């Protein structure tokens, strides 16, 4: 006999929250902390090691293993970016910026967006939060995009060619991206 499966409830667009962050042009990366406290590095498609690396990310993870263990058990996704990676942002170093702005803050800040934040490990950055809004509103997305294109990156001061926006919808556990113009890979 077949099991009854109800059609899932559909969220209303007017009730959705959106968190807009700057989309940083680098390479997708993840720090994995296992239940046993082992710290691993992965790219978008595979685990990486210092001997089989992705722009030096696994080497950086190994060098910062003790601090990264402080992220706690789980998969901690972010962007590995900076010198020699995609846009480079005029930087002389590379950074790992965590995506989960609902959990992590780079420095102590007054909480205005309803999130309870923890300080990220010293070796990590957090992607810049540009807007937090309920309900979902295309005008806010457009004005945030205008701000970033006119005044430049929030991740690196005076960098005037930001890649775009990431819009996270917590109720759907989904990201969507809004790219401003073609970057190094010809994406638009």
C-alpha atoms as a PDB file:
ATOM      1  CA  UNK A   1       0.000   0.000   0.000  1.00  0.00           C
ATOM      2  CA  UNK A   2       1.278   3.485  -0.873  1.00  0.00           C
ATOM      3  CA  UNK A   3       2.131   5.976   1.860  1.00  0.00           C
ATOM      4  CA  UNK A   4       0.113   9.211   1.817  1.00  0.00           C
ATOM      5  CA  UNK A   5       2.352  12.247   1.217  1.00  0.00           C
ATOM      6  CA  UNK A   6       0.741  15.664   1.474  1.00  0.00           C
ATOM      7  CA  UNK A   7       1.814  18.501  -0.789  1.00  0.00           C
ATOM      8  CA  UNK A   8       4.065  20.823   1.270  1.00  0.00           C
ATOM      9  CA  UNK A   9       2.787  24.164   2.465  1.00  0.00           C
ATOM     10  CA  UNK A  10       3.822  27.021   0.163  1.00  0.00           C
ATOM     11  CA  UNK A  11       5.401  30.112   1.722  1.00  0.00           C
ATOM     12  CA  UNK A  12       3.894  33.510   0.892  1.00  0.00           C
ATOM     13  CA  UNK A  13       6.319  35.870  -0.795  1.00  0.00           C
ATOM     14  CA  UNK A  14       5.064  38.782   1.315  1.00  0.00           C
ATOM     15  CA  UNK A  15       5.992  36.942   4.533  1.00  0.00           C
ATOM     16  CA  UNK A  16       9.528  35.970   3.554  1.00  0.00           C
ATOM     17  CA  UNK A  17      12.590  37.482   5.168  1.00  0.00           C
ATOM     18  CA  UNK A  18      15.585  38.353   3.037  1.00  0.00           C
ATOM     19  CA  UNK A  19      19.166  38.834   4.113  1.00  0.00           C
ATOM     20  CA  UNK A  20      21.268  40.578   1.479  1.00  0.00           C
ATOM     21  CA  UNK A  21      25.035  40.158   1.578  1.00  0.00           C
ATOM     22  CA  UNK A  22      27.797  41.098  -0.814  1.00  0.00           C
ATOM     23  CA  UNK A  23      28.670  38.326  -3.258  1.00  0.00           C
ATOM     24  CA  UNK A  24      32.422  38.016  -3.148  1.00  0.00           C
ATOM     25  CA  UNK A  25      34.210  36.719  -6.241  1.00  0.00           C
ATOM     26  CA  UNK A  26      36.573  33.963  -5.152  1.00  0.00           C
ATOM     27  CA  UNK A  27      36.224  30.213  -4.861  1.00  0.00           C
ATOM     28  CA  UNK A  28      33.665  28.347  -2.773  1.00  0.00           C
ATOM     29  CA  UNK A  29      35.223  26.717   0.274  1.00  0.00           C
ATOM     30  CA  UNK A  30      34.179  24.908   3.429  1.00  0.00           C
ATOM     31  CA  UNK A  31      35.765  24.091   6.767  1.00  0.00           C
ATOM     32  CA  UNK A  32      34.468  20.804   8.151  1.00  0.00           C
ATOM     33  CA  UNK A  33      34.786  20.077  11.866  1.00  0.00           C
ATOM     34  CA  UNK A  34      33.950  16.471  12.680  1.00  0.00           C
ATOM     35  CA  UNK A  35      32.404  15.150  15.895  1.00  0.00           C
ATOM     36  CA  UNK A  36      35.897  13.957  16.874  1.00  0.00           C
ATOM     37  CA  UNK A  37      37.334  17.468  16.346  1.00  0.00           C
ATOM     38  CA  UNK A  38      39.115  16.719  13.079  1.00  0.00           C
ATOM     39  CA  UNK A  39      39.334  19.803  10.831  1.00  0.00           C
ATOM     40  CA  UNK A  40      39.062  19.278   7.061  1.00  0.00           C
ATOM     41  CA  UNK A  41      38.991  21.538   4.001  1.00  0.00           C
ATOM     42  CA  UNK A  42      36.791  21.188   0.975  1.00  0.00           C
ATOM     43  CA  UNK A  43      36.131  23.028  -2.265  1.00  0.00           C
ATOM     44  CA  UNK A  44      32.755  23.090  -3.983  1.00  0.00           C
ATOM     45  CA  UNK A  45      33.263  19.571  -5.402  1.00  0.00           C
ATOM     46  CA  UNK A  46      35.802  17.712  -3.248  1.00  0.00           C
ATOM     47  CA  UNK A  47      37.907  17.540  -0.114  1.00  0.00           C
ATOM     48  CA  UNK A  48      41.255  19.274  -0.578  1.00  0.00           C
ATOM     49  CA  UNK A  49      44.603  18.731   1.137  1.00  0.00           C
ATOM     50  CA  UNK A  50      47.827  20.736   1.183  1.00  0.00           C
ATOM     51  CA  UNK A  51      49.161  18.295  -1.451  1.00  0.00           C
ATOM     52  CA  UNK A  52      46.045  18.586  -3.652  1.00  0.00           C
ATOM     53  CA  UNK A  53      44.859  22.101  -2.909  1.00  0.00           C
ATOM     54  CA  UNK A  54      42.502  24.800  -4.197  1.00  0.00           C
ATOM     55  CA  UNK A  55      44.343  28.156  -4.226  1.00  0.00           C
ATOM     56  CA  UNK A  56      46.076  27.283  -0.937  1.00  0.00           C
ATOM     57  CA  UNK A  57      42.858  26.864   1.067  1.00  0.00           C
ATOM     58  CA  UNK A  58      43.772  23.455   2.561  1.00  0.00           C
ATOM     59  CA  UNK A  59      47.191  24.805   3.562  1.00  0.00           C
ATOM     60  CA  UNK A  60      45.500  27.787   5.282  1.00  0.00           C
ATOM     61  CA  UNK A  61      43.065  25.442   7.072  1.00  0.00           C
ATOM     62  CA  UNK A  62      45.962  23.308   8.320  1.00  0.00           C
ATOM     63  CA  UNK A  63      47.819  26.426   9.561  1.00  0.00           C
ATOM     64  CA  UNK A  64      44.695  27.682  11.385  1.00  0.00           C
ATOM     65  CA  UNK A  65      43.354  24.303  12.541  1.00  0.00           C
ATOM     66  CA  UNK A  66      43.178  25.140  16.249  1.00  0.00           C
ATOM     67  CA  UNK A  67      41.249  28.404  15.717  1.00  0.00           C
ATOM     68  CA  UNK A  68      38.950  26.783  13.131  1.00  0.00           C
ATOM     69  CA  UNK A  69      38.034  24.016  15.576  1.00  0.00           C
ATOM     70  CA  UNK A  70      36.284  26.846  17.456  1.00  0.00           C
ATOM     71  CA  UNK A  71      33.663  26.961  14.682  1.00  0.00           C
ATOM     72  CA  UNK A  72      32.212  23.827  16.244  1.00  0.00           C
ATOM     73  CA  UNK A  73      31.071  20.598  14.683  1.00  0.00           C
ATOM     74  CA  UNK A  74      29.602  20.954  11.220  1.00  0.00           C
ATOM     75  CA  UNK A  75      30.123  22.299   7.721  1.00  0.00           C
ATOM     76  CA  UNK A  76      31.106  25.970   7.632  1.00  0.00           C
ATOM     77  CA  UNK A  77      30.746  27.350   4.111  1.00  0.00           C
ATOM     78  CA  UNK A  78      32.333  30.509   2.839  1.00  0.00           C
ATOM     79  CA  UNK A  79      34.374  32.178   0.119  1.00  0.00           C
ATOM     80  CA  UNK A  80      38.162  31.836  -0.208  1.00  0.00           C
ATOM     81  CA  UNK A  81      39.203  34.997  -1.989  1.00  0.00           C
ATOM     82  CA  UNK A  82      41.835  37.657  -2.505  1.00  0.00           C
ATOM     83  CA  UNK A  83      45.254  37.680  -4.138  1.00  0.00           C
ATOM     84  CA  UNK A  84      45.302  35.633  -7.347  1.00  0.00           C
ATOM     85  CA  UNK A  85      41.702  34.379  -7.076  1.00  0.00           C
ATOM     86  CA  UNK A  86      39.140  35.720  -9.579  1.00  0.00           C
ATOM     87  CA  UNK A  87      38.879  39.533  -9.101  1.00  0.00           C
ATOM     88  CA  UNK A  88      41.656  39.593  -6.453  1.00  0.00           C
ATOM     89  CA  UNK A  89      40.171  42.859  -5.076  1.00  0.00           C
ATOM     90  CA  UNK A  90      43.618  44.500  -5.181  1.00  0.00           C
ATOM     91  CA  UNK A  91      44.573  42.452  -2.122  1.00  0.00           C
ATOM     92  CA  UNK A  92      48.015  41.159  -1.159  1.00  0.00           C
ATOM     93  CA  UNK A  93      46.579  38.327   0.975  1.00  0.00           C
ATOM     94  CA  UNK A  94      43.744  35.803   0.887  1.00  0.00           C
ATOM     95  CA  UNK A  95      40.763  35.580   3.240  1.00  0.00           C
ATOM     96  CA  UNK A  96      38.091  33.079   4.206  1.00  0.00           C
ATOM     97  CA  UNK A  97      34.719  34.786   4.672  1.00  0.00           C
ATOM     98  CA  UNK A  98      31.930  32.761   6.271  1.00  0.00           C
ATOM     99  CA  UNK A  99      28.492  32.887   4.607  1.00  0.00           C
ATOM    100  CA  UNK A 100      26.345  32.317   7.714  1.00  0.00           C
ATOM    101  CA  UNK A 101      25.777  35.942   8.755  1.00  0.00           C
ATOM    102  CA  UNK A 102      22.913  34.746  10.951  1.00  0.00           C
ATOM    103  CA  UNK A 103      25.423  33.050  13.229  1.00  0.00           C
ATOM    104  CA  UNK A 104      28.760  34.785  12.838  1.00  0.00           C
ATOM    105  CA  UNK A 105      30.020  38.323  13.345  1.00  0.00           C
ATOM    106  CA  UNK A 106      33.600  39.469  12.744  1.00  0.00           C
ATOM    107  CA  UNK A 107      33.553  41.963  15.590  1.00  0.00           C
ATOM    108  CA  UNK A 108      31.216  42.855  18.395  1.00  0.00           C
ATOM    109  CA  UNK A 109      28.333  44.845  16.947  1.00  0.00           C
ATOM    110  CA  UNK A 110      24.965  46.015  18.155  1.00  0.00           C
ATOM    111  CA  UNK A 111      22.447  43.426  17.033  1.00  0.00           C
ATOM    112  CA  UNK A 112      19.732  45.086  14.938  1.00  0.00           C
ATOM    113  CA  UNK A 113      18.671  42.293  12.624  1.00  0.00           C
ATOM    114  CA  UNK A 114      17.241  39.858  15.157  1.00  0.00           C
ATOM    115  CA  UNK A 115      20.138  37.421  14.961  1.00  0.00           C
ATOM    116  CA  UNK A 116      22.111  36.215  17.944  1.00  0.00           C
ATOM    117  CA  UNK A 117      25.700  36.253  16.745  1.00  0.00           C
ATOM    118  CA  UNK A 118      28.904  34.609  17.842  1.00  0.00           C
ATOM    119  CA  UNK A 119      32.317  36.051  17.115  1.00  0.00           C
ATOM    120  CA  UNK A 120      33.980  34.209  14.243  1.00  0.00           C
ATOM    121  CA  UNK A 121      37.451  32.819  14.908  1.00  0.00           C
ATOM    122  CA  UNK A 122      40.145  35.492  14.531  1.00  0.00           C
ATOM    123  CA  UNK A 123      41.422  33.936  11.278  1.00  0.00           C
ATOM    124  CA  UNK A 124      37.985  34.175   9.601  1.00  0.00           C
ATOM    125  CA  UNK A 125      36.009  37.009   8.095  1.00  0.00           C
ATOM    126  CA  UNK A 126      32.253  37.172   7.484  1.00  0.00           C
ATOM    127  CA  UNK A 127      30.634  38.329   4.233  1.00  0.00           C
ATOM    128  CA  UNK A 128      29.259  41.874   4.641  1.00  0.00           C
ATOM    129  CA  UNK A 129      25.548  42.101   5.454  1.00  0.00           C
ATOM    130  CA  UNK A 130      23.992  44.901   3.398  1.00  0.00           C
ATOM    131  CA  UNK A 131      20.298  44.583   4.290  1.00  0.00           C
ATOM    132  CA  UNK A 132      17.893  42.560   6.396  1.00  0.00           C
ATOM    133  CA  UNK A 133      14.215  42.895   5.588  1.00  0.00           C
ATOM    134  CA  UNK A 134      10.762  41.427   5.996  1.00  0.00           C
ATOM    135  CA  UNK A 135       8.883  41.240   3.720  1.00  0.00           C
ATOM    136  CA  UNK A 136      10.800  40.268   0.602  1.00  0.00           C
ATOM    137  CA  UNK A 137      11.038  43.457  -1.463  1.00  0.00           C
ATOM    138  CA  UNK A 138      12.558  43.877  -4.947  1.00  0.00           C
ATOM    139  CA  UNK A 139      12.918  47.644  -4.366  1.00  0.00           C
ATOM    140  CA  UNK A 140      15.280  46.931  -1.468  1.00  0.00           C
ATOM    141  CA  UNK A 141      17.281  44.534  -3.641  1.00  0.00           C
ATOM    142  CA  UNK A 142      17.497  47.180  -6.403  1.00  0.00           C
ATOM    143  CA  UNK A 143      18.519  49.980  -4.025  1.00  0.00           C
ATOM    144  CA  UNK A 144      21.122  47.749  -2.360  1.00  0.00           C
ATOM    145  CA  UNK A 145      22.545  46.850  -5.780  1.00  0.00           C
ATOM    146  CA  UNK A 146      22.651  50.548  -6.698  1.00  0.00           C
ATOM    147  CA  UNK A 147      24.480  51.380  -3.457  1.00  0.00           C
ATOM    148  CA  UNK A 148      27.131  48.713  -4.034  1.00  0.00           C
ATOM    149  CA  UNK A 149      27.707  49.666  -7.686  1.00  0.00           C
ATOM    150  CA  UNK A 150      27.950  53.382  -6.845  1.00  0.00           C
ATOM    151  CA  UNK A 151      30.029  53.226  -3.664  1.00  0.00           C
ATOM    152  CA  UNK A 152      31.986  49.994  -4.113  1.00  0.00           C
ATOM    153  CA  UNK A 153      32.619  46.853  -2.128  1.00  0.00           C
ATOM    154  CA  UNK A 154      31.892  46.650   1.576  1.00  0.00           C
ATOM    155  CA  UNK A 155      34.392  43.785   1.844  1.00  0.00           C
ATOM    156  CA  UNK A 156      37.337  45.870   0.595  1.00  0.00           C
ATOM    157  CA  UNK A 157      37.264  49.652   0.882  1.00  0.00           C
ATOM    158  CA  UNK A 158      37.820  51.537  -2.394  1.00  0.00           C
ATOM    159  CA  UNK A 159      37.285  48.434  -4.547  1.00  0.00           C
ATOM    160  CA  UNK A 160      34.845  49.729  -7.150  1.00  0.00           C
ATOM    161  CA  UNK A 161      34.046  46.520  -9.076  1.00  0.00           C
ATOM    162  CA  UNK A 162      31.979  44.344  -6.704  1.00  0.00           C
ATOM    163  CA  UNK A 163      30.546  41.156  -8.183  1.00  0.00           C
ATOM    164  CA  UNK A 164      26.977  41.338  -6.923  1.00  0.00           C
ATOM    165  CA  UNK A 165      24.562  40.393  -4.174  1.00  0.00           C
ATOM    166  CA  UNK A 166      23.547  37.192  -2.437  1.00  0.00           C
ATOM    167  CA  UNK A 167      19.965  37.096  -1.195  1.00  0.00           C
ATOM    168  CA  UNK A 168      19.294  34.494   1.485  1.00  0.00           C
ATOM    169  CA  UNK A 169      15.707  33.550   2.325  1.00  0.00           C
ATOM    170  CA  UNK A 170      15.820  31.820   5.739  1.00  0.00           C
ATOM    171  CA  UNK A 171      12.297  30.377   5.535  1.00  0.00           C
ATOM    172  CA  UNK A 172      13.265  28.506   2.351  1.00  0.00           C
ATOM    173  CA  UNK A 173      16.903  27.826   3.316  1.00  0.00           C
ATOM    174  CA  UNK A 174      17.843  29.129  -0.146  1.00  0.00           C
ATOM    175  CA  UNK A 175      20.304  31.584  -1.647  1.00  0.00           C
ATOM    176  CA  UNK A 176      19.856  33.400  -4.932  1.00  0.00           C
ATOM    177  CA  UNK A 177      22.498  35.582  -6.532  1.00  0.00           C
ATOM    178  CA  UNK A 178      22.269  38.855  -8.406  1.00  0.00           C
ATOM    179  CA  UNK A 179      25.389  39.516 -10.507  1.00  0.00           C
ATOM    180  CA  UNK A 180      26.104  43.037 -11.744  1.00  0.00           C
ATOM    181  CA  UNK A 181      28.188  42.330 -14.865  1.00  0.00           C
ATOM    182  CA  UNK A 182      30.430  39.719 -16.403  1.00  0.00           C
ATOM    183  CA  UNK A 183      33.395  38.784 -14.265  1.00  0.00           C
ATOM    184  CA  UNK A 184      36.539  36.795 -15.001  1.00  0.00           C
ATOM    185  CA  UNK A 185      34.562  33.651 -15.917  1.00  0.00           C
ATOM    186  CA  UNK A 186      32.274  35.549 -18.273  1.00  0.00           C
ATOM    187  CA  UNK A 187      29.284  35.154 -15.978  1.00  0.00           C
ATOM    188  CA  UNK A 188      26.644  37.807 -16.061  1.00  0.00           C
END
